[in-house]
Amino acid sequence: MQEELAVSALAALAHAQRLRVFRALVVAGTAGLMPSQLADQLEVARSNLSFHLKELANAGLVTVESQGRNLIYRAAYEHMNALLGYLTEHCCAGGDCVVSESPRCAC
């Protein structure tokens, strides 16, 4: 992934409502959701939701498919995984990352 694409995706996710929308689409899986379903689930005005979906789509994080009169939005898993890969590409000095328990606080 190129740096400018990563910056665009991270900027889109740096808004609380867009992050909620994206997470809801990730949970929905490949079936996706219609805007009305998202609006009801997230309790957000449909006009606001439309703006946020457009921003996520412009950043490449969601796809939209027309099914008759309905639009189906889905998380763009390939782009999401590329972003995660970009963020962790040089983690742990190039070695395998091992999660270890953090020391317990003695307070």
PDB file of N, CA and C in Angstrom:
ATOM      1  N   MET A   1       0.850  -1.180   0.000  1.00  0.00           N
ATOM      2  CA  MET A   1       0.000   0.000   0.000  1.00  0.00           C
ATOM      3  C   MET A   1       0.886   1.231   0.000  1.00  0.00           C
ATOM      4  N   GLN A   2       0.495   2.197  -0.769  1.00  0.00           N
ATOM      5  CA  GLN A   2       1.230   3.455  -0.826  1.00  0.00           C
ATOM      6  C   GLN A   2       0.849   4.340   0.360  1.00  0.00           C
ATOM      7  N   GLU A   3       1.787   5.170   0.757  1.00  0.00           N
ATOM      8  CA  GLU A   3       1.585   6.032   1.914  1.00  0.00           C
ATOM      9  C   GLU A   3       0.342   6.906   1.783  1.00  0.00           C
ATOM     10  N   GLU A   4       0.117   7.502   0.625  1.00  0.00           N
ATOM     11  CA  GLU A   4      -1.036   8.409   0.477  1.00  0.00           C
ATOM     12  C   GLU A   4      -2.369   7.667   0.623  1.00  0.00           C
ATOM     13  N   LEU A   5      -2.416   6.395   0.209  1.00  0.00           N
ATOM     14  CA  LEU A   5      -3.630   5.605   0.401  1.00  0.00           C
ATOM     15  C   LEU A   5      -3.846   5.293   1.880  1.00  0.00           C
ATOM     16  N   ALA A   6      -2.763   5.000   2.581  1.00  0.00           N
ATOM     17  CA  ALA A   6      -2.863   4.746   4.018  1.00  0.00           C
ATOM     18  C   ALA A   6      -3.332   5.994   4.757  1.00  0.00           C
ATOM     19  N   VAL A   7      -2.797   7.136   4.398  1.00  0.00           N
ATOM     20  CA  VAL A   7      -3.190   8.393   5.035  1.00  0.00           C
ATOM     21  C   VAL A   7      -4.671   8.674   4.777  1.00  0.00           C
ATOM     22  N   SER A   8      -5.121   8.452   3.561  1.00  0.00           N
ATOM     23  CA  SER A   8      -6.526   8.674   3.218  1.00  0.00           C
ATOM     24  C   SER A   8      -7.447   7.762   4.028  1.00  0.00           C
ATOM     25  N   ALA A   9      -7.086   6.490   4.135  1.00  0.00           N
ATOM     26  CA  ALA A   9      -7.902   5.538   4.895  1.00  0.00           C
ATOM     27  C   ALA A   9      -7.914   5.897   6.374  1.00  0.00           C
ATOM     28  N   LEU A  10      -6.756   6.221   6.923  1.00  0.00           N
ATOM     29  CA  LEU A  10      -6.691   6.567   8.338  1.00  0.00           C
ATOM     30  C   LEU A  10      -7.451   7.857   8.632  1.00  0.00           C
ATOM     31  N   ALA A  11      -7.381   8.812   7.712  1.00  0.00           N
ATOM     32  CA  ALA A  11      -8.128  10.064   7.890  1.00  0.00           C
ATOM     33  C   ALA A  11      -9.631   9.794   7.894  1.00  0.00           C
ATOM     34  N   ALA A  12     -10.080   8.900   7.034  1.00  0.00           N
ATOM     35  CA  ALA A  12     -11.505   8.568   6.992  1.00  0.00           C
ATOM     36  C   ALA A  12     -11.936   7.899   8.293  1.00  0.00           C
ATOM     37  N   LEU A  13     -11.088   7.063   8.849  1.00  0.00           N
ATOM     38  CA  LEU A  13     -11.429   6.348  10.084  1.00  0.00           C
ATOM     39  C   LEU A  13     -11.239   7.208  11.330  1.00  0.00           C
ATOM     40  N   ALA A  14     -10.645   8.375  11.164  1.00  0.00           N
ATOM     41  CA  ALA A  14     -10.371   9.252  12.308  1.00  0.00           C
ATOM     42  C   ALA A  14     -11.587  10.065  12.736  1.00  0.00           C
ATOM     43  N   HIS A  15     -12.743   9.657  12.325  1.00  0.00           N
ATOM     44  CA  HIS A  15     -14.004  10.288  12.730  1.00  0.00           C
ATOM     45  C   HIS A  15     -14.840   9.210  13.415  1.00  0.00           C
ATOM     46  N   ALA A  16     -15.333   9.507  14.596  1.00  0.00           N
ATOM     47  CA  ALA A  16     -16.018   8.495  15.402  1.00  0.00           C
ATOM     48  C   ALA A  16     -17.185   7.836  14.658  1.00  0.00           C
ATOM     49  N   GLN A  17     -18.007   8.626  13.979  1.00  0.00           N
ATOM     50  CA  GLN A  17     -19.164   8.046  13.298  1.00  0.00           C
ATOM     51  C   GLN A  17     -18.739   7.160  12.136  1.00  0.00           C
ATOM     52  N   ARG A  18     -17.724   7.587  11.384  1.00  0.00           N
ATOM     53  CA  ARG A  18     -17.257   6.758  10.271  1.00  0.00           C
ATOM     54  C   ARG A  18     -16.621   5.474  10.789  1.00  0.00           C
ATOM     55  N   LEU A  19     -15.933   5.546  11.897  1.00  0.00           N
ATOM     56  CA  LEU A  19     -15.353   4.339  12.486  1.00  0.00           C
ATOM     57  C   LEU A  19     -16.454   3.373  12.892  1.00  0.00           C
ATOM     58  N   ARG A  20     -17.534   3.879  13.479  1.00  0.00           N
ATOM     59  CA  ARG A  20     -18.675   3.028  13.848  1.00  0.00           C
ATOM     60  C   ARG A  20     -19.308   2.384  12.618  1.00  0.00           C
ATOM     61  N   VAL A  21     -19.460   3.161  11.562  1.00  0.00           N
ATOM     62  CA  VAL A  21     -20.041   2.644  10.321  1.00  0.00           C
ATOM     63  C   VAL A  21     -19.157   1.540   9.748  1.00  0.00           C
ATOM     64  N   PHE A  22     -17.859   1.802   9.695  1.00  0.00           N
ATOM     65  CA  PHE A  22     -16.941   0.815   9.141  1.00  0.00           C
ATOM     66  C   PHE A  22     -16.960  -0.465   9.970  1.00  0.00           C
ATOM     67  N   ARG A  23     -16.932  -0.334  11.281  1.00  0.00           N
ATOM     68  CA  ARG A  23     -16.957  -1.517  12.149  1.00  0.00           C
ATOM     69  C   ARG A  23     -18.254  -2.303  11.966  1.00  0.00           C
ATOM     70  N   ALA A  24     -19.374  -1.608  11.808  1.00  0.00           N
ATOM     71  CA  ALA A  24     -20.654  -2.296  11.584  1.00  0.00           C
ATOM     72  C   ALA A  24     -20.620  -3.075  10.275  1.00  0.00           C
ATOM     73  N   LEU A  25     -19.993  -2.507   9.251  1.00  0.00           N
ATOM     74  CA  LEU A  25     -19.895  -3.200   7.972  1.00  0.00           C
ATOM     75  C   LEU A  25     -18.953  -4.394   8.059  1.00  0.00           C
ATOM     76  N   VAL A  26     -17.893  -4.278   8.833  1.00  0.00           N
ATOM     77  CA  VAL A  26     -16.984  -5.410   9.033  1.00  0.00           C
ATOM     78  C   VAL A  26     -17.734  -6.538   9.721  1.00  0.00           C
ATOM     79  N   VAL A  27     -18.516  -6.217  10.741  1.00  0.00           N
ATOM     80  CA  VAL A  27     -19.290  -7.229  11.463  1.00  0.00           C
ATOM     81  C   VAL A  27     -20.339  -7.862  10.547  1.00  0.00           C
ATOM     82  N   ALA A  28     -20.929  -7.071   9.655  1.00  0.00           N
ATOM     83  CA  ALA A  28     -21.966  -7.579   8.750  1.00  0.00           C
ATOM     84  C   ALA A  28     -21.418  -8.605   7.763  1.00  0.00           C
ATOM     85  N   GLY A  29     -20.126  -8.549   7.509  1.00  0.00           N
ATOM     86  CA  GLY A  29     -19.517  -9.519   6.609  1.00  0.00           C
ATOM     87  C   GLY A  29     -19.810  -9.234   5.151  1.00  0.00           C
ATOM     88  N   THR A  30     -19.686 -10.271   4.349  1.00  0.00           N
ATOM     89  CA  THR A  30     -19.824 -10.101   2.905  1.00  0.00           C
ATOM     90  C   THR A  30     -21.267  -9.825   2.468  1.00  0.00           C
ATOM     91  N   ALA A  31     -22.230 -10.072   3.339  1.00  0.00           N
ATOM     92  CA  ALA A  31     -23.629  -9.764   3.007  1.00  0.00           C
ATOM     93  C   ALA A  31     -23.833  -8.258   2.903  1.00  0.00           C
ATOM     94  N   GLY A  32     -23.071  -7.495   3.694  1.00  0.00           N
ATOM     95  CA  GLY A  32     -23.208  -6.043   3.670  1.00  0.00           C
ATOM     96  C   GLY A  32     -24.505  -5.569   4.293  1.00  0.00           C
ATOM     97  N   LEU A  33     -24.708  -4.276   4.227  1.00  0.00           N
ATOM     98  CA  LEU A  33     -25.919  -3.663   4.788  1.00  0.00           C
ATOM     99  C   LEU A  33     -26.405  -2.542   3.884  1.00  0.00           C
ATOM    100  N   MET A  34     -27.697  -2.336   3.894  1.00  0.00           N
ATOM    101  CA  MET A  34     -28.287  -1.193   3.209  1.00  0.00           C
ATOM    102  C   MET A  34     -28.169   0.016   4.141  1.00  0.00           C
ATOM    103  N   PRO A  35     -28.134   1.218   3.580  1.00  0.00           N
ATOM    104  CA  PRO A  35     -28.046   2.411   4.409  1.00  0.00           C
ATOM    105  C   PRO A  35     -29.144   2.502   5.467  1.00  0.00           C
ATOM    106  N   SER A  36     -30.354   2.080   5.135  1.00  0.00           N
ATOM    107  CA  SER A  36     -31.442   2.144   6.113  1.00  0.00           C
ATOM    108  C   SER A  36     -31.152   1.228   7.302  1.00  0.00           C
ATOM    109  N   GLN A  37     -30.563   0.064   7.036  1.00  0.00           N
ATOM    110  CA  GLN A  37     -30.209  -0.852   8.117  1.00  0.00           C
ATOM    111  C   GLN A  37     -29.114  -0.246   8.997  1.00  0.00           C
ATOM    112  N   LEU A  38     -28.123   0.342   8.357  1.00  0.00           N
ATOM    113  CA  LEU A  38     -27.043   0.989   9.105  1.00  0.00           C
ATOM    114  C   LEU A  38     -27.571   2.139   9.956  1.00  0.00           C
ATOM    115  N   ALA A  39     -28.426   2.958   9.361  1.00  0.00           N
ATOM    116  CA  ALA A  39     -28.976   4.111  10.078  1.00  0.00           C
ATOM    117  C   ALA A  39     -29.754   3.661  11.307  1.00  0.00           C
ATOM    118  N   ASP A  40     -30.561   2.629  11.163  1.00  0.00           N
ATOM    119  CA  ASP A  40     -31.330   2.112  12.294  1.00  0.00           C
ATOM    120  C   ASP A  40     -30.414   1.511  13.359  1.00  0.00           C
ATOM    121  N   GLN A  41     -29.458   0.720  12.914  1.00  0.00           N
ATOM    122  CA  GLN A  41     -28.550   0.046  13.834  1.00  0.00           C
ATOM    123  C   GLN A  41     -27.700   1.039  14.627  1.00  0.00           C
ATOM    124  N   LEU A  42     -27.218   2.096  13.946  1.00  0.00           N
ATOM    125  CA  LEU A  42     -26.321   3.056  14.584  1.00  0.00           C
ATOM    126  C   LEU A  42     -27.035   4.284  15.125  1.00  0.00           C
ATOM    127  N   GLU A  43     -28.339   4.345  14.889  1.00  0.00           N
ATOM    128  CA  GLU A  43     -29.156   5.481  15.329  1.00  0.00           C
ATOM    129  C   GLU A  43     -28.563   6.807  14.857  1.00  0.00           C
ATOM    130  N   VAL A  44     -28.383   6.888  13.541  1.00  0.00           N
ATOM    131  CA  VAL A  44     -27.826   8.081  12.921  1.00  0.00           C
ATOM    132  C   VAL A  44     -28.765   8.531  11.801  1.00  0.00           C
ATOM    133  N   ALA A  45     -28.827   9.828  11.586  1.00  0.00           N
ATOM    134  CA  ALA A  45     -29.666  10.370  10.518  1.00  0.00           C
ATOM    135  C   ALA A  45     -29.152   9.879   9.172  1.00  0.00           C
ATOM    136  N   ARG A  46     -30.057   9.536   8.291  1.00  0.00           N
ATOM    137  CA  ARG A  46     -29.670   8.988   6.990  1.00  0.00           C
ATOM    138  C   ARG A  46     -28.859   9.978   6.166  1.00  0.00           C
ATOM    139  N   SER A  47     -29.143  11.267   6.297  1.00  0.00           N
ATOM    140  CA  SER A  47     -28.361  12.262   5.551  1.00  0.00           C
ATOM    141  C   SER A  47     -26.918  12.291   6.046  1.00  0.00           C
ATOM    142  N   ASN A  48     -26.719  12.194   7.354  1.00  0.00           N
ATOM    143  CA  ASN A  48     -25.365  12.120   7.911  1.00  0.00           C
ATOM    144  C   ASN A  48     -24.674  10.847   7.456  1.00  0.00           C
ATOM    145  N   LEU A  49     -25.395   9.752   7.499  1.00  0.00           N
ATOM    146  CA  LEU A  49     -24.840   8.461   7.126  1.00  0.00           C
ATOM    147  C   LEU A  49     -24.364   8.477   5.676  1.00  0.00           C
ATOM    148  N   SER A  50     -25.137   9.078   4.803  1.00  0.00           N
ATOM    149  CA  SER A  50     -24.786   9.157   3.389  1.00  0.00           C
ATOM    150  C   SER A  50     -23.434   9.845   3.206  1.00  0.00           C
ATOM    151  N   PHE A  51     -23.223  10.930   3.930  1.00  0.00           N
ATOM    152  CA  PHE A  51     -21.951  11.650   3.865  1.00  0.00           C
ATOM    153  C   PHE A  51     -20.802  10.756   4.321  1.00  0.00           C
ATOM    154  N   HIS A  52     -20.989  10.061   5.432  1.00  0.00           N
ATOM    155  CA  HIS A  52     -19.929   9.223   5.980  1.00  0.00           C
ATOM    156  C   HIS A  52     -19.628   8.026   5.079  1.00  0.00           C
ATOM    157  N   LEU A  53     -20.652   7.431   4.497  1.00  0.00           N
ATOM    158  CA  LEU A  53     -20.441   6.319   3.569  1.00  0.00           C
ATOM    159  C   LEU A  53     -19.658   6.779   2.339  1.00  0.00           C
ATOM    160  N   LYS A  54     -19.965   7.974   1.865  1.00  0.00           N
ATOM    161  CA  LYS A  54     -19.249   8.522   0.710  1.00  0.00           C
ATOM    162  C   LYS A  54     -17.774   8.716   1.055  1.00  0.00           C
ATOM    163  N   GLU A  55     -17.480   9.220   2.239  1.00  0.00           N
ATOM    164  CA  GLU A  55     -16.094   9.419   2.649  1.00  0.00           C
ATOM    165  C   GLU A  55     -15.351   8.084   2.760  1.00  0.00           C
ATOM    166  N   LEU A  56     -16.003   7.082   3.326  1.00  0.00           N
ATOM    167  CA  LEU A  56     -15.379   5.763   3.446  1.00  0.00           C
ATOM    168  C   LEU A  56     -15.155   5.133   2.073  1.00  0.00           C
ATOM    169  N   ALA A  57     -16.100   5.327   1.172  1.00  0.00           N
ATOM    170  CA  ALA A  57     -15.957   4.803  -0.184  1.00  0.00           C
ATOM    171  C   ALA A  57     -14.813   5.509  -0.916  1.00  0.00           C
ATOM    172  N   ASN A  58     -14.722   6.826  -0.766  1.00  0.00           N
ATOM    173  CA  ASN A  58     -13.640   7.583  -1.401  1.00  0.00           C
ATOM    174  C   ASN A  58     -12.273   7.141  -0.888  1.00  0.00           C
ATOM    175  N   ALA A  59     -12.216   6.696   0.353  1.00  0.00           N
ATOM    176  CA  ALA A  59     -10.962   6.227   0.947  1.00  0.00           C
ATOM    177  C   ALA A  59     -10.690   4.765   0.595  1.00  0.00           C
ATOM    178  N   GLY A  60     -11.613   4.118  -0.101  1.00  0.00           N
ATOM    179  CA  GLY A  60     -11.436   2.738  -0.516  1.00  0.00           C
ATOM    180  C   GLY A  60     -11.761   1.708   0.552  1.00  0.00           C
ATOM    181  N   LEU A  61     -12.374   2.149   1.648  1.00  0.00           N
ATOM    182  CA  LEU A  61     -12.650   1.239   2.760  1.00  0.00           C
ATOM    183  C   LEU A  61     -13.975   0.510   2.637  1.00  0.00           C
ATOM    184  N   VAL A  62     -14.879   1.018   1.816  1.00  0.00           N
ATOM    185  CA  VAL A  62     -16.148   0.336   1.589  1.00  0.00           C
ATOM    186  C   VAL A  62     -16.433   0.298   0.097  1.00  0.00           C
ATOM    187  N   THR A  63     -17.216  -0.705  -0.274  1.00  0.00           N
ATOM    188  CA  THR A  63     -17.688  -0.806  -1.651  1.00  0.00           C
ATOM    189  C   THR A  63     -19.197  -0.660  -1.624  1.00  0.00           C
ATOM    190  N   VAL A  64     -19.756  -0.287  -2.744  1.00  0.00           N
ATOM    191  CA  VAL A  64     -21.205  -0.158  -2.856  1.00  0.00           C
ATOM    192  C   VAL A  64     -21.659  -0.891  -4.108  1.00  0.00           C
ATOM    193  N   GLU A  65     -22.751  -1.621  -3.958  1.00  0.00           N
ATOM    194  CA  GLU A  65     -23.323  -2.371  -5.078  1.00  0.00           C
ATOM    195  C   GLU A  65     -24.802  -2.030  -5.163  1.00  0.00           C
ATOM    196  N   SER A  66     -25.249  -1.779  -6.359  1.00  0.00           N
ATOM    197  CA  SER A  66     -26.659  -1.509  -6.585  1.00  0.00           C
ATOM    198  C   SER A  66     -27.383  -2.826  -6.842  1.00  0.00           C
ATOM    199  N   GLN A  67     -28.434  -3.070  -6.055  1.00  0.00           N
ATOM    200  CA  GLN A  67     -29.284  -4.249  -6.259  1.00  0.00           C
ATOM    201  C   GLN A  67     -30.709  -3.739  -6.425  1.00  0.00           C
ATOM    202  N   GLY A  68     -31.081  -3.546  -7.677  1.00  0.00           N
ATOM    203  CA  GLY A  68     -32.388  -2.955  -7.949  1.00  0.00           C
ATOM    204  C   GLY A  68     -32.401  -1.521  -7.457  1.00  0.00           C
ATOM    205  N   ARG A  69     -33.332  -1.214  -6.579  1.00  0.00           N
ATOM    206  CA  ARG A  69     -33.426   0.140  -6.010  1.00  0.00           C
ATOM    207  C   ARG A  69     -32.585   0.299  -4.746  1.00  0.00           C
ATOM    208  N   ASN A  70     -32.002  -0.776  -4.305  1.00  0.00           N
ATOM    209  CA  ASN A  70     -31.247  -0.753  -3.049  1.00  0.00           C
ATOM    210  C   ASN A  70     -29.747  -0.665  -3.295  1.00  0.00           C
ATOM    211  N   LEU A  71     -29.063  -0.015  -2.364  1.00  0.00           N
ATOM    212  CA  LEU A  71     -27.608   0.011  -2.351  1.00  0.00           C
ATOM    213  C   LEU A  71     -27.141  -0.866  -1.204  1.00  0.00           C
ATOM    214  N   ILE A  72     -26.153  -1.686  -1.477  1.00  0.00           N
ATOM    215  CA  ILE A  72     -25.574  -2.550  -0.456  1.00  0.00           C
ATOM    216  C   ILE A  72     -24.132  -2.095  -0.243  1.00  0.00           C
ATOM    217  N   TYR A  73     -23.812  -1.746   0.983  1.00  0.00           N
ATOM    218  CA  TYR A  73     -22.457  -1.340   1.341  1.00  0.00           C
ATOM    219  C   TYR A  73     -21.767  -2.495   2.049  1.00  0.00           C
ATOM    220  N   ARG A  74     -20.497  -2.685   1.696  1.00  0.00           N
ATOM    221  CA  ARG A  74     -19.689  -3.742   2.307  1.00  0.00           C
ATOM    222  C   ARG A  74     -18.323  -3.176   2.663  1.00  0.00           C
ATOM    223  N   ALA A  75     -17.731  -3.713   3.710  1.00  0.00           N
ATOM    224  CA  ALA A  75     -16.349  -3.368   4.033  1.00  0.00           C
ATOM    225  C   ALA A  75     -15.457  -3.915   2.926  1.00  0.00           C
ATOM    226  N   ALA A  76     -14.468  -3.141   2.540  1.00  0.00           N
ATOM    227  CA  ALA A  76     -13.496  -3.580   1.530  1.00  0.00           C
ATOM    228  C   ALA A  76     -12.356  -4.269   2.270  1.00  0.00           C
ATOM    229  N   TYR A  77     -12.533  -5.567   2.495  1.00  0.00           N
ATOM    230  CA  TYR A  77     -11.588  -6.329   3.320  1.00  0.00           C
ATOM    231  C   TYR A  77     -10.173  -6.314   2.754  1.00  0.00           C
ATOM    232  N   GLU A  78     -10.048  -6.365   1.441  1.00  0.00           N
ATOM    233  CA  GLU A  78      -8.720  -6.353   0.837  1.00  0.00           C
ATOM    234  C   GLU A  78      -7.981  -5.062   1.178  1.00  0.00           C
ATOM    235  N   HIS A  79      -8.702  -3.946   1.084  1.00  0.00           N
ATOM    236  CA  HIS A  79      -8.100  -2.640   1.410  1.00  0.00           C
ATOM    237  C   HIS A  79      -7.812  -2.551   2.910  1.00  0.00           C
ATOM    238  N   MET A  80      -8.723  -3.053   3.725  1.00  0.00           N
ATOM    239  CA  MET A  80      -8.529  -3.047   5.175  1.00  0.00           C
ATOM    240  C   MET A  80      -7.285  -3.865   5.532  1.00  0.00           C
ATOM    241  N   ASN A  81      -7.150  -5.046   4.944  1.00  0.00           N
ATOM    242  CA  ASN A  81      -5.994  -5.892   5.223  1.00  0.00           C
ATOM    243  C   ASN A  81      -4.699  -5.263   4.717  1.00  0.00           C
ATOM    244  N   ALA A  82      -4.771  -4.572   3.596  1.00  0.00           N
ATOM    245  CA  ALA A  82      -3.588  -3.882   3.084  1.00  0.00           C
ATOM    246  C   ALA A  82      -3.164  -2.770   4.043  1.00  0.00           C
ATOM    247  N   LEU A  83      -4.140  -2.068   4.605  1.00  0.00           N
ATOM    248  CA  LEU A  83      -3.833  -1.012   5.576  1.00  0.00           C
ATOM    249  C   LEU A  83      -3.198  -1.610   6.827  1.00  0.00           C
ATOM    250  N   LEU A  84      -3.766  -2.696   7.320  1.00  0.00           N
ATOM    251  CA  LEU A  84      -3.189  -3.353   8.493  1.00  0.00           C
ATOM    252  C   LEU A  84      -1.774  -3.844   8.192  1.00  0.00           C
ATOM    253  N   GLY A  85      -1.578  -4.376   7.014  1.00  0.00           N
ATOM    254  CA  GLY A  85      -0.248  -4.823   6.609  1.00  0.00           C
ATOM    255  C   GLY A  85       0.737  -3.677   6.548  1.00  0.00           C
ATOM    256  N   TYR A  86       0.290  -2.550   6.012  1.00  0.00           N
ATOM    257  CA  TYR A  86       1.136  -1.354   5.931  1.00  0.00           C
ATOM    258  C   TYR A  86       1.543  -0.896   7.326  1.00  0.00           C
ATOM    259  N   LEU A  87       0.595  -0.927   8.251  1.00  0.00           N
ATOM    260  CA  LEU A  87       0.867  -0.449   9.608  1.00  0.00           C
ATOM    261  C   LEU A  87       1.802  -1.389  10.379  1.00  0.00           C
ATOM    262  N   THR A  88       1.763  -2.655  10.057  1.00  0.00           N
ATOM    263  CA  THR A  88       2.556  -3.620  10.814  1.00  0.00           C
ATOM    264  C   THR A  88       3.741  -4.179  10.031  1.00  0.00           C
ATOM    265  N   GLU A  89       3.988  -3.637   8.867  1.00  0.00           N
ATOM    266  CA  GLU A  89       5.010  -4.154   7.961  1.00  0.00           C
ATOM    267  C   GLU A  89       6.395  -4.271   8.600  1.00  0.00           C
ATOM    268  N   HIS A  90       6.782  -3.311   9.378  1.00  0.00           N
ATOM    269  CA  HIS A  90       8.118  -3.319   9.966  1.00  0.00           C
ATOM    270  C   HIS A  90       8.071  -3.463  11.480  1.00  0.00           C
ATOM    271  N   CYS A  91       7.015  -4.037  11.958  1.00  0.00           N
ATOM    272  CA  CYS A  91       6.849  -4.202  13.397  1.00  0.00           C
ATOM    273  C   CYS A  91       7.845  -5.219  13.928  1.00  0.00           C
ATOM    274  N   CYS A  92       8.210  -5.070  15.155  1.00  0.00           N
ATOM    275  CA  CYS A  92       9.105  -6.021  15.852  1.00  0.00           C
ATOM    276  C   CYS A  92      10.432  -6.213  15.114  1.00  0.00           C
ATOM    277  N   ALA A  93      10.932  -5.143  14.525  1.00  0.00           N
ATOM    278  CA  ALA A  93      12.224  -5.161  13.823  1.00  0.00           C
ATOM    279  C   ALA A  93      12.278  -6.242  12.748  1.00  0.00           C
ATOM    280  N   GLY A  94      11.157  -6.518  12.122  1.00  0.00           N
ATOM    281  CA  GLY A  94      11.106  -7.482  11.030  1.00  0.00           C
ATOM    282  C   GLY A  94      10.928  -8.922  11.459  1.00  0.00           C
ATOM    283  N   GLY A  95      10.930  -9.188  12.768  1.00  0.00           N
ATOM    284  CA  GLY A  95      10.738 -10.545  13.261  1.00  0.00           C
ATOM    285  C   GLY A  95       9.277 -10.809  13.556  1.00  0.00           C
ATOM    286  N   ASP A  96       8.990 -12.040  13.951  1.00  0.00           N
ATOM    287  CA  ASP A  96       7.627 -12.381  14.339  1.00  0.00           C
ATOM    288  C   ASP A  96       7.253 -11.625  15.604  1.00  0.00           C
ATOM    289  N   CYS A  97       6.065 -11.097  15.611  1.00  0.00           N
ATOM    290  CA  CYS A  97       5.591 -10.363  16.779  1.00  0.00           C
ATOM    291  C   CYS A  97       5.002 -11.357  17.778  1.00  0.00           C
ATOM    292  N   VAL A  98       5.404 -11.226  18.998  1.00  0.00           N
ATOM    293  CA  VAL A  98       4.911 -12.093  20.056  1.00  0.00           C
ATOM    294  C   VAL A  98       4.241 -11.214  21.096  1.00  0.00           C
ATOM    295  N   VAL A  99       3.009 -11.538  21.404  1.00  0.00           N
ATOM    296  CA  VAL A  99       2.295 -10.797  22.429  1.00  0.00           C
ATOM    297  C   VAL A  99       2.634 -11.423  23.768  1.00  0.00           C
ATOM    298  N   SER A 100       3.120 -10.616  24.659  1.00  0.00           N
ATOM    299  CA  SER A 100       3.428 -11.130  25.990  1.00  0.00           C
ATOM    300  C   SER A 100       2.605 -10.369  27.002  1.00  0.00           C
ATOM    301  N   GLU A 101       2.398 -11.003  28.118  1.00  0.00           N
ATOM    302  CA  GLU A 101       1.625 -10.342  29.164  1.00  0.00           C
ATOM    303  C   GLU A 101       2.429  -9.173  29.706  1.00  0.00           C
ATOM    304  N   SER A 102       1.753  -8.080  29.931  1.00  0.00           N
ATOM    305  CA  SER A 102       2.447  -6.939  30.499  1.00  0.00           C
ATOM    306  C   SER A 102       2.598  -7.158  31.998  1.00  0.00           C
ATOM    307  N   PRO A 103       3.662  -6.617  32.574  1.00  0.00           N
ATOM    308  CA  PRO A 103       3.845  -6.808  34.013  1.00  0.00           C
ATOM    309  C   PRO A 103       2.686  -6.201  34.795  1.00  0.00           C
ATOM    310  N   ARG A 104       2.324  -6.867  35.830  1.00  0.00           N
ATOM    311  CA  ARG A 104       1.217  -6.371  36.646  1.00  0.00           C
ATOM    312  C   ARG A 104       1.683  -5.203  37.494  1.00  0.00           C
ATOM    313  N   CYS A 105       0.795  -4.284  37.663  1.00  0.00           N
ATOM    314  CA  CYS A 105       1.092  -3.103  38.473  1.00  0.00           C
ATOM    315  C   CYS A 105       1.136  -3.518  39.955  1.00  0.00           C
ATOM    316  N   ALA A 106       2.145  -3.053  40.639  1.00  0.00           N
ATOM    317  CA  ALA A 106       2.294  -3.391  42.059  1.00  0.00           C
ATOM    318  C   ALA A 106       1.629  -2.363  42.961  1.00  0.00           C
ATOM    319  N   CYS A 107       0.808  -1.497  42.372  1.00  0.00           N
ATOM    320  CA  CYS A 107       0.197  -0.452  43.192  1.00  0.00           C
ATOM    321  C   CYS A 107      -0.906  -0.988  44.077  1.00  0.00           C
TER     322      CYS A 107
END
